[in-house]
C-alpha atoms as a PDB file:
ATOM      1  CA  MET A   1     137.508  78.894   8.360  1.00  0.00           C
ATOM      2  CA  ALA A   2     134.797  76.515   7.328  1.00  0.00           C
ATOM      3  CA  THR A   3     131.840  76.070   9.616  1.00  0.00           C
ATOM      4  CA  MET A   4     130.958  72.440  10.560  1.00  0.00           C
ATOM      5  CA  LYS A   5     127.240  71.689  10.370  1.00  0.00           C
ATOM      6  CA  LYS A   6     125.970  69.247  12.914  1.00  0.00           C
ATOM      7  CA  THR A   7     123.560  66.733  11.511  1.00  0.00           C
ATOM      8  CA  THR A   8     121.202  64.800  13.772  1.00  0.00           C
ATOM      9  CA  LEU A   9     119.599  61.615  12.454  1.00  0.00           C
ATOM     10  CA  ILE A  10     116.011  61.219  13.586  1.00  0.00           C
ATOM     11  CA  PRO A  11     114.430  57.749  13.196  1.00  0.00           C
ATOM     12  CA  SER A  12     111.426  57.666  10.936  1.00  0.00           C
ATOM     13  CA  CYS A  13     108.121  57.889  12.700  1.00  0.00           C
ATOM     14  CA  ILE A  14     105.436  55.266  12.576  1.00  0.00           C
ATOM     15  CA  GLN A  15     102.941  57.887  13.692  1.00  0.00           C
ATOM     16  CA  ARG A  16     103.651  61.592  14.021  1.00  0.00           C
ATOM     17  CA  ILE A  17     101.625  63.477  16.658  1.00  0.00           C
ATOM     18  CA  THR A  18     101.604  67.267  17.077  1.00  0.00           C
ATOM     19  CA  ARG A  19     100.192  68.723  20.267  1.00  0.00           C
ATOM     20  CA  ARG A  20      99.881  72.429  21.039  1.00  0.00           C
ATOM     21  CA  GLN A  21     101.177  73.326  24.463  1.00  0.00           C
ATOM     22  CA  GLY A  22     101.413  76.936  25.754  1.00  0.00           C
ATOM     23  CA  GLU A  23     102.780  79.204  23.066  1.00  0.00           C
ATOM     24  CA  GLY A  24     104.562  76.491  21.112  1.00  0.00           C
ATOM     25  CA  ASP A  25     103.876  73.208  19.462  1.00  0.00           C
ATOM     26  CA  GLU A  26     105.179  69.938  20.779  1.00  0.00           C
ATOM     27  CA  THR A  27     105.808  67.208  18.311  1.00  0.00           C
ATOM     28  CA  TYR A  28     106.613  63.627  19.166  1.00  0.00           C
ATOM     29  CA  CYS A  29     106.598  60.287  17.368  1.00  0.00           C
ATOM     30  CA  THR A  30     105.467  56.825  18.354  1.00  0.00           C
ATOM     31  CA  TYR A  31     107.658  53.945  17.303  1.00  0.00           C
ATOM     32  CA  VAL A  32     107.086  50.252  16.843  1.00  0.00           C
ATOM     33  CA  GLU A  33     110.177  48.190  17.186  1.00  0.00           C
ATOM     34  CA  GLU A  34     110.631  45.910  14.207  1.00  0.00           C
ATOM     35  CA  ALA A  35     110.926  42.241  14.918  1.00  0.00           C
ATOM     36  CA  ASP A  36     114.085  40.491  14.087  1.00  0.00           C
ATOM     37  CA  ASP A  37     114.247  39.165  10.529  1.00  0.00           C
ATOM     38  CA  GLU A  38     115.106  35.648  11.694  1.00  0.00           C
ATOM     39  CA  ALA A  39     112.071  35.606  13.989  1.00  0.00           C
ATOM     40  CA  ASN A  40     109.891  36.702  11.088  1.00  0.00           C
ATOM     41  CA  LYS A  41     111.259  33.909   8.944  1.00  0.00           C
ATOM     42  CA  VAL A  42     110.648  31.300  11.658  1.00  0.00           C
ATOM     43  CA  SER A  43     107.100  32.548  12.228  1.00  0.00           C
ATOM     44  CA  GLN A  44     106.333  32.512   8.528  1.00  0.00           C
ATOM     45  CA  SER A  45     107.784  29.009   8.204  1.00  0.00           C
ATOM     46  CA  MET A  46     105.621  27.799  11.068  1.00  0.00           C
ATOM     47  CA  ARG A  47     102.523  29.299   9.436  1.00  0.00           C
ATOM     48  CA  LEU A  48     103.354  27.571   6.149  1.00  0.00           C
ATOM     49  CA  ASP A  49     103.873  24.255   7.950  1.00  0.00           C
ATOM     50  CA  ILE A  50     100.490  24.564   9.640  1.00  0.00           C
ATOM     51  CA  MET A  51      98.794  25.400   6.330  1.00  0.00           C
ATOM     52  CA  ASN A  52     100.514  22.445   4.658  1.00  0.00           C
ATOM     53  CA  GLU A  53      99.391  20.115   7.435  1.00  0.00           C
ATOM     54  CA  LYS A  54      95.809  21.358   7.094  1.00  0.00           C
ATOM     55  CA  GLY A  55      95.935  20.875   3.324  1.00  0.00           C
ATOM     56  CA  PHE A  56      97.319  17.365   3.667  1.00  0.00           C
ATOM     57  CA  ALA A  57      94.656  16.464   6.219  1.00  0.00           C
ATOM     58  CA  LEU A  58      91.937  17.709   3.848  1.00  0.00           C
ATOM     59  CA  VAL A  59      93.315  15.690   0.928  1.00  0.00           C
ATOM     60  CA  ALA A  60      93.631  12.588   3.116  1.00  0.00           C
ATOM     61  CA  ALA A  61      90.040  13.001   4.322  1.00  0.00           C
ATOM     62  CA  ILE A  62      88.778  13.322   0.733  1.00  0.00           C
ATOM     63  CA  ILE A  63      90.704  10.210  -0.373  1.00  0.00           C
ATOM     64  CA  ALA A  64      89.403   8.227   2.602  1.00  0.00           C
ATOM     65  CA  SER A  65      85.843   9.328   1.823  1.00  0.00           C
ATOM     66  CA  LEU A  66      86.205   8.253  -1.811  1.00  0.00           C
ATOM     67  CA  ILE A  67      87.566   4.861  -0.749  1.00  0.00           C
ATOM     68  CA  LEU A  68      84.672   4.327   1.666  1.00  0.00           C
ATOM     69  CA  LEU A  69      82.208   5.387  -1.033  1.00  0.00           C
ATOM     70  CA  ALA A  70      83.712   2.927  -3.528  1.00  0.00           C
ATOM     71  CA  VAL A  71      83.585   0.100  -0.974  1.00  0.00           C
ATOM     72  CA  GLY A  72      79.964   0.938  -0.161  1.00  0.00           C
ATOM     73  CA  ILE A  73      78.963   0.933  -3.834  1.00  0.00           C
ATOM     74  CA  LEU A  74      80.764  -2.391  -4.337  1.00  0.00           C
ATOM     75  CA  VAL A  75      78.988  -3.970  -1.363  1.00  0.00           C
ATOM     76  CA  ILE A  76      75.599  -2.704  -2.569  1.00  0.00           C
ATOM     77  CA  ASN A  77      76.205  -4.034  -6.085  1.00  0.00           C
ATOM     78  CA  MET A  78      77.300  -7.418  -4.737  1.00  0.00           C
ATOM     79  CA  SER A  79      74.272  -7.620  -2.462  1.00  0.00           C
ATOM     80  CA  THR A  80      71.926  -6.638  -5.286  1.00  0.00           C
ATOM     81  CA  GLY A  81      73.533  -9.207  -7.581  1.00  0.00           C
ATOM     82  CA  ASP A  82      73.181 -11.922  -4.943  1.00  0.00           C
ATOM     83  CA  LEU A  83      69.517 -11.078  -4.421  1.00  0.00           C
ATOM     84  CA  ARG A  84      68.890 -11.104  -8.178  1.00  0.00           C
ATOM     85  CA  SER A  85      70.676 -14.456  -8.564  1.00  0.00           C
ATOM     86  CA  SER A  86      68.745 -15.906  -5.633  1.00  0.00           C
ATOM     87  CA  ALA A  87      65.436 -14.740  -7.120  1.00  0.00           C
ATOM     88  CA  ILE A  88      66.280 -16.294 -10.488  1.00  0.00           C
ATOM     89  CA  THR A  89      67.267 -19.565  -8.802  1.00  0.00           C
ATOM     90  CA  VAL A  90      64.024 -19.684  -6.821  1.00  0.00           C
ATOM     91  CA  GLY A  91      61.980 -18.931  -9.934  1.00  0.00           C
ATOM     92  CA  ASP A  92      63.759 -21.625 -11.967  1.00  0.00           C
ATOM     93  CA  LYS A  93      63.148 -24.192  -9.225  1.00  0.00           C
ATOM     94  CA  LYS A  94      59.466 -23.322  -9.102  1.00  0.00           C
ATOM     95  CA  ALA A  95      59.148 -23.618 -12.886  1.00  0.00           C
ATOM     96  CA  LEU A  96      60.942 -26.978 -12.832  1.00  0.00           C
ATOM     97  CA  ALA A  97      58.730 -28.206 -10.004  1.00  0.00           C
ATOM     98  CA  ALA A  98      55.697 -27.265 -12.112  1.00  0.00           C
ATOM     99  CA  ALA A  99      57.111 -29.217 -15.066  1.00  0.00           C
ATOM    100  CA  GLU A 100      57.644 -32.268 -12.857  1.00  0.00           C
ATOM    101  CA  SER A 101      54.028 -32.062 -11.753  1.00  0.00           C
ATOM    102  CA  GLY A 102      53.044 -31.946 -15.426  1.00  0.00           C
ATOM    103  CA  ILE A 103      55.078 -35.094 -16.138  1.00  0.00           C
ATOM    104  CA  HIS A 104      53.306 -36.957 -13.357  1.00  0.00           C
ATOM    105  CA  ARG A 105      49.954 -35.786 -14.721  1.00  0.00           C
ATOM    106  CA  LEU A 106      50.860 -36.884 -18.267  1.00  0.00           C
ATOM    107  CA  VAL A 107      51.930 -40.352 -17.133  1.00  0.00           C
ATOM    108  CA  GLN A 108      48.859 -40.725 -14.948  1.00  0.00           C
ATOM    109  CA  ASP A 109      46.397 -39.711 -17.665  1.00  0.00           C
ATOM    110  CA  PHE A 110      48.240 -41.206 -20.654  1.00  0.00           C
ATOM    111  CA  SER A 111      46.276 -43.134 -23.227  1.00  0.00           C
ATOM    112  CA  PRO A 112      47.632 -44.524 -26.515  1.00  0.00           C
ATOM    113  CA  ASP A 113      44.413 -43.384 -28.174  1.00  0.00           C
ATOM    114  CA  SER A 114      45.464 -40.276 -30.094  1.00  0.00           C
ATOM    115  CA  THR A 115      41.864 -39.078 -30.307  1.00  0.00           C
ATOM    116  CA  THR A 116      42.088 -38.145 -26.633  1.00  0.00           C
ATOM    117  CA  TRP A 117      45.067 -35.831 -27.137  1.00  0.00           C
ATOM    118  CA  THR A 118      42.925 -32.756 -27.657  1.00  0.00           C
ATOM    119  CA  ALA A 119      42.557 -29.295 -26.163  1.00  0.00           C
ATOM    120  CA  ALA A 120      39.295 -30.415 -24.632  1.00  0.00           C
ATOM    121  CA  ASN A 121      41.368 -32.725 -22.427  1.00  0.00           C
ATOM    122  CA  ASN A 122      43.812 -29.902 -21.567  1.00  0.00           C
ATOM    123  CA  TYR A 123      46.493 -30.966 -24.045  1.00  0.00           C
ATOM    124  CA  THR A 124      48.380 -28.250 -25.915  1.00  0.00           C
ATOM    125  CA  THR A 125      48.310 -29.243 -29.568  1.00  0.00           C
ATOM    126  CA  ASN A 126      50.748 -26.737 -31.099  1.00  0.00           C
ATOM    127  CA  CYS A 127      53.845 -27.229 -28.933  1.00  0.00           C
ATOM    128  CA  THR A 128      56.103 -27.414 -32.000  1.00  0.00           C
ATOM    129  CA  ALA A 129      55.117 -23.886 -33.105  1.00  0.00           C
ATOM    130  CA  SER A 130      57.469 -20.953 -32.554  1.00  0.00           C
ATOM    131  CA  SER A 131      54.998 -19.447 -30.074  1.00  0.00           C
ATOM    132  CA  PRO A 132      52.893 -22.236 -28.578  1.00  0.00           C
ATOM    133  CA  THR A 133      49.577 -21.372 -26.975  1.00  0.00           C
ATOM    134  CA  TYR A 134      49.969 -23.438 -23.845  1.00  0.00           C
ATOM    135  CA  ILE A 135      46.957 -24.512 -21.833  1.00  0.00           C
ATOM    136  CA  TRP A 136      48.200 -23.766 -18.349  1.00  0.00           C
ATOM    137  CA  ARG A 137      47.020 -25.817 -15.413  1.00  0.00           C
ATOM    138  CA  SER A 138      47.482 -25.329 -11.698  1.00  0.00           C
ATOM    139  CA  ILE A 139      49.263 -27.912  -9.588  1.00  0.00           C
ATOM    140  CA  ALA A 140      46.841 -30.103  -7.684  1.00  0.00           C
ATOM    141  CA  SER A 141      46.918 -29.156  -3.994  1.00  0.00           C
ATOM    142  CA  GLY A 142      49.568 -26.571  -4.839  1.00  0.00           C
ATOM    143  CA  THR A 143      50.190 -23.662  -2.485  1.00  0.00           C
ATOM    144  CA  ASP A 144      51.470 -21.283  -5.176  1.00  0.00           C
ATOM    145  CA  ALA A 145      48.823 -20.321  -7.711  1.00  0.00           C
ATOM    146  CA  ASN A 146      51.488 -18.613  -9.831  1.00  0.00           C
ATOM    147  CA  THR A 147      53.268 -21.924 -10.481  1.00  0.00           C
ATOM    148  CA  GLN A 148      51.617 -23.749 -13.395  1.00  0.00           C
ATOM    149  CA  PHE A 149      52.302 -26.450 -15.969  1.00  0.00           C
ATOM    150  CA  ALA A 150      51.144 -27.322 -19.476  1.00  0.00           C
ATOM    151  CA  VAL A 151      51.120 -30.762 -21.124  1.00  0.00           C
ATOM    152  CA  CYS A 152      51.713 -31.097 -24.847  1.00  0.00           C
ATOM    153  CA  ALA A 153      49.883 -33.700 -26.900  1.00  0.00           C
ATOM    154  CA  PRO A 154      52.116 -36.824 -27.202  1.00  0.00           C
ATOM    155  CA  THR A 155      53.298 -38.083 -30.554  1.00  0.00           C
ATOM    156  CA  LEU A 156      54.294 -41.556 -31.654  1.00  0.00           C
ATOM    157  CA  SER A 157      58.072 -41.822 -31.588  1.00  0.00           C
ATOM    158  CA  SER A 158      60.089 -42.509 -34.692  1.00  0.00           C
ATOM    159  CA  GLN A 159      62.116 -45.002 -32.665  1.00  0.00           C
ATOM    160  CA  PRO A 160      61.202 -48.702 -33.050  1.00  0.00           C
ATOM    161  CA  PRO A 161      59.243 -50.503 -30.313  1.00  0.00           C
ATOM    162  CA  VAL A 162      61.184 -52.000 -27.431  1.00  0.00           C
ATOM    163  CA  ASN A 163      61.108 -55.804 -27.169  1.00  0.00           C
ATOM    164  CA  LEU A 164      59.919 -57.053 -23.802  1.00  0.00           C
ATOM    165  CA  PRO A 165      61.619 -59.927 -21.953  1.00  0.00           C
ATOM    166  CA  GLY A 166      59.476 -63.045 -21.788  1.00  0.00           C
ATOM    167  CA  TYR A 167      57.573 -62.263 -24.963  1.00  0.00           C
ATOM    168  CA  ALA A 168      58.201 -63.589 -28.438  1.00  0.00           C
ATOM    169  CA  LEU A 169      60.199 -61.284 -30.629  1.00  0.00           C
ATOM    170  CA  GLY A 170      58.035 -59.417 -33.071  1.00  0.00           C
ATOM    171  CA  GLU A 171      54.832 -60.272 -31.226  1.00  0.00           C
ATOM    172  CA  TRP A 172      54.725 -58.079 -28.148  1.00  0.00           C
ATOM    173  CA  ALA A 173      56.622 -54.892 -27.450  1.00  0.00           C
ATOM    174  CA  MET A 174      56.546 -51.554 -25.710  1.00  0.00           C
ATOM    175  CA  MET A 175      55.562 -48.633 -27.920  1.00  0.00           C
ATOM    176  CA  ARG A 176      57.464 -45.374 -27.639  1.00  0.00           C
ATOM    177  CA  TYR A 177      55.907 -41.910 -27.478  1.00  0.00           C
ATOM    178  CA  ASP A 178      57.445 -38.450 -27.306  1.00  0.00           C
ATOM    179  CA  GLY A 179      56.071 -35.866 -24.936  1.00  0.00           C
ATOM    180  CA  ARG A 180      56.797 -32.338 -23.770  1.00  0.00           C
ATOM    181  CA  VAL A 181      55.814 -30.550 -20.588  1.00  0.00           C
ATOM    182  CA  ALA A 182      56.217 -26.847 -19.802  1.00  0.00           C
ATOM    183  CA  GLY A 183      56.370 -25.172 -16.409  1.00  0.00           C
ATOM    184  CA  LYS A 184      56.353 -21.532 -15.385  1.00  0.00           C
ATOM    185  CA  ASN A 185      56.141 -19.173 -12.439  1.00  0.00           C
ATOM    186  CA  THR A 186      54.614 -15.772 -13.092  1.00  0.00           C
ATOM    187  CA  SER A 187      55.909 -14.234  -9.869  1.00  0.00           C
ATOM    188  CA  TYR A 188      59.537 -14.608 -10.988  1.00  0.00           C
ATOM    189  CA  SER A 189      58.853 -14.592 -14.770  1.00  0.00           C
ATOM    190  CA  THR A 190      60.612 -17.930 -15.230  1.00  0.00           C
ATOM    191  CA  SER A 191      59.713 -20.856 -17.458  1.00  0.00           C
ATOM    192  CA  THR A 192      61.127 -24.163 -18.630  1.00  0.00           C
ATOM    193  CA  THR A 193      60.272 -27.033 -20.965  1.00  0.00           C
ATOM    194  CA  VAL A 194      61.131 -30.697 -20.531  1.00  0.00           C
ATOM    195  CA  ASP A 195      61.096 -33.285 -23.323  1.00  0.00           C
ATOM    196  CA  ILE A 196      60.336 -36.808 -22.150  1.00  0.00           C
ATOM    197  CA  GLY A 197      59.918 -40.285 -23.586  1.00  0.00           C
ATOM    198  CA  ILE A 198      56.969 -42.510 -22.665  1.00  0.00           C
ATOM    199  CA  GLY A 199      56.844 -46.297 -22.979  1.00  0.00           C
ATOM    200  CA  TYR A 200      53.481 -48.027 -23.185  1.00  0.00           C
ATOM    201  CA  GLY A 201      53.073 -51.783 -23.311  1.00  0.00           C
ATOM    202  CA  PRO A 202      52.971 -54.613 -23.703  1.00  0.00           C
ATOM    203  CA  VAL A 203      51.276 -53.984 -27.028  1.00  0.00           C
ATOM    204  CA  SER A 204      50.686 -56.673 -29.600  1.00  0.00           C
ATOM    205  CA  ILE A 205      52.618 -55.944 -32.775  1.00  0.00           C
ATOM    206  CA  GLY A 206      52.267 -59.367 -34.394  1.00  0.00           C
ATOM    207  CA  THR A 207      49.549 -61.757 -35.516  1.00  0.00           C
ATOM    208  CA  SER A 208      49.878 -64.132 -32.544  1.00  0.00           C
ATOM    209  CA  SER A 209      50.694 -63.726 -28.872  1.00  0.00           C
ATOM    210  CA  ARG A 210      52.109 -65.921 -26.226  1.00  0.00           C
END
């Protein structure tokens, strides 16, 4: 007759502890109950969702920072460009104002005698050169010493004289002269030149006059 062997299944121990007691040893195990697989899956899914949300928030913050940085750079560039344009405009106006003062000075001091158009009388005599050596003059009663003008020596125009009403043709006329005035402002490093025409008369161009 076969003998039946009884088999007892003992759960695996998480931690096995042996303790001596009296004349024998006592052995016992501590167990940790495993969580349900579905609960583990839900917990892991929640952790992944939280990590994804944190990652998305970080990316969104970086993108927002880059956008703000780009807008700031654009605003700074626009402001700098406006300031530069304003400075150039102010400098050009100052140079033009100096040239206008030079025109008034040329008209006021003009003489048809070409012997007076010399450097000794503050006329620049090489205005047609590629690099004229202007004789700069300050504006009378001007408040900005950096705004100056230079008057070029006039030249007789190649255009014919202008007949004057009330005078006999070919006897009296207005002579034409060409002039040039330069203006500059050293504070803004701006300069300009203005070509003008001057009429002087009546001048006798014939043998008899009315």
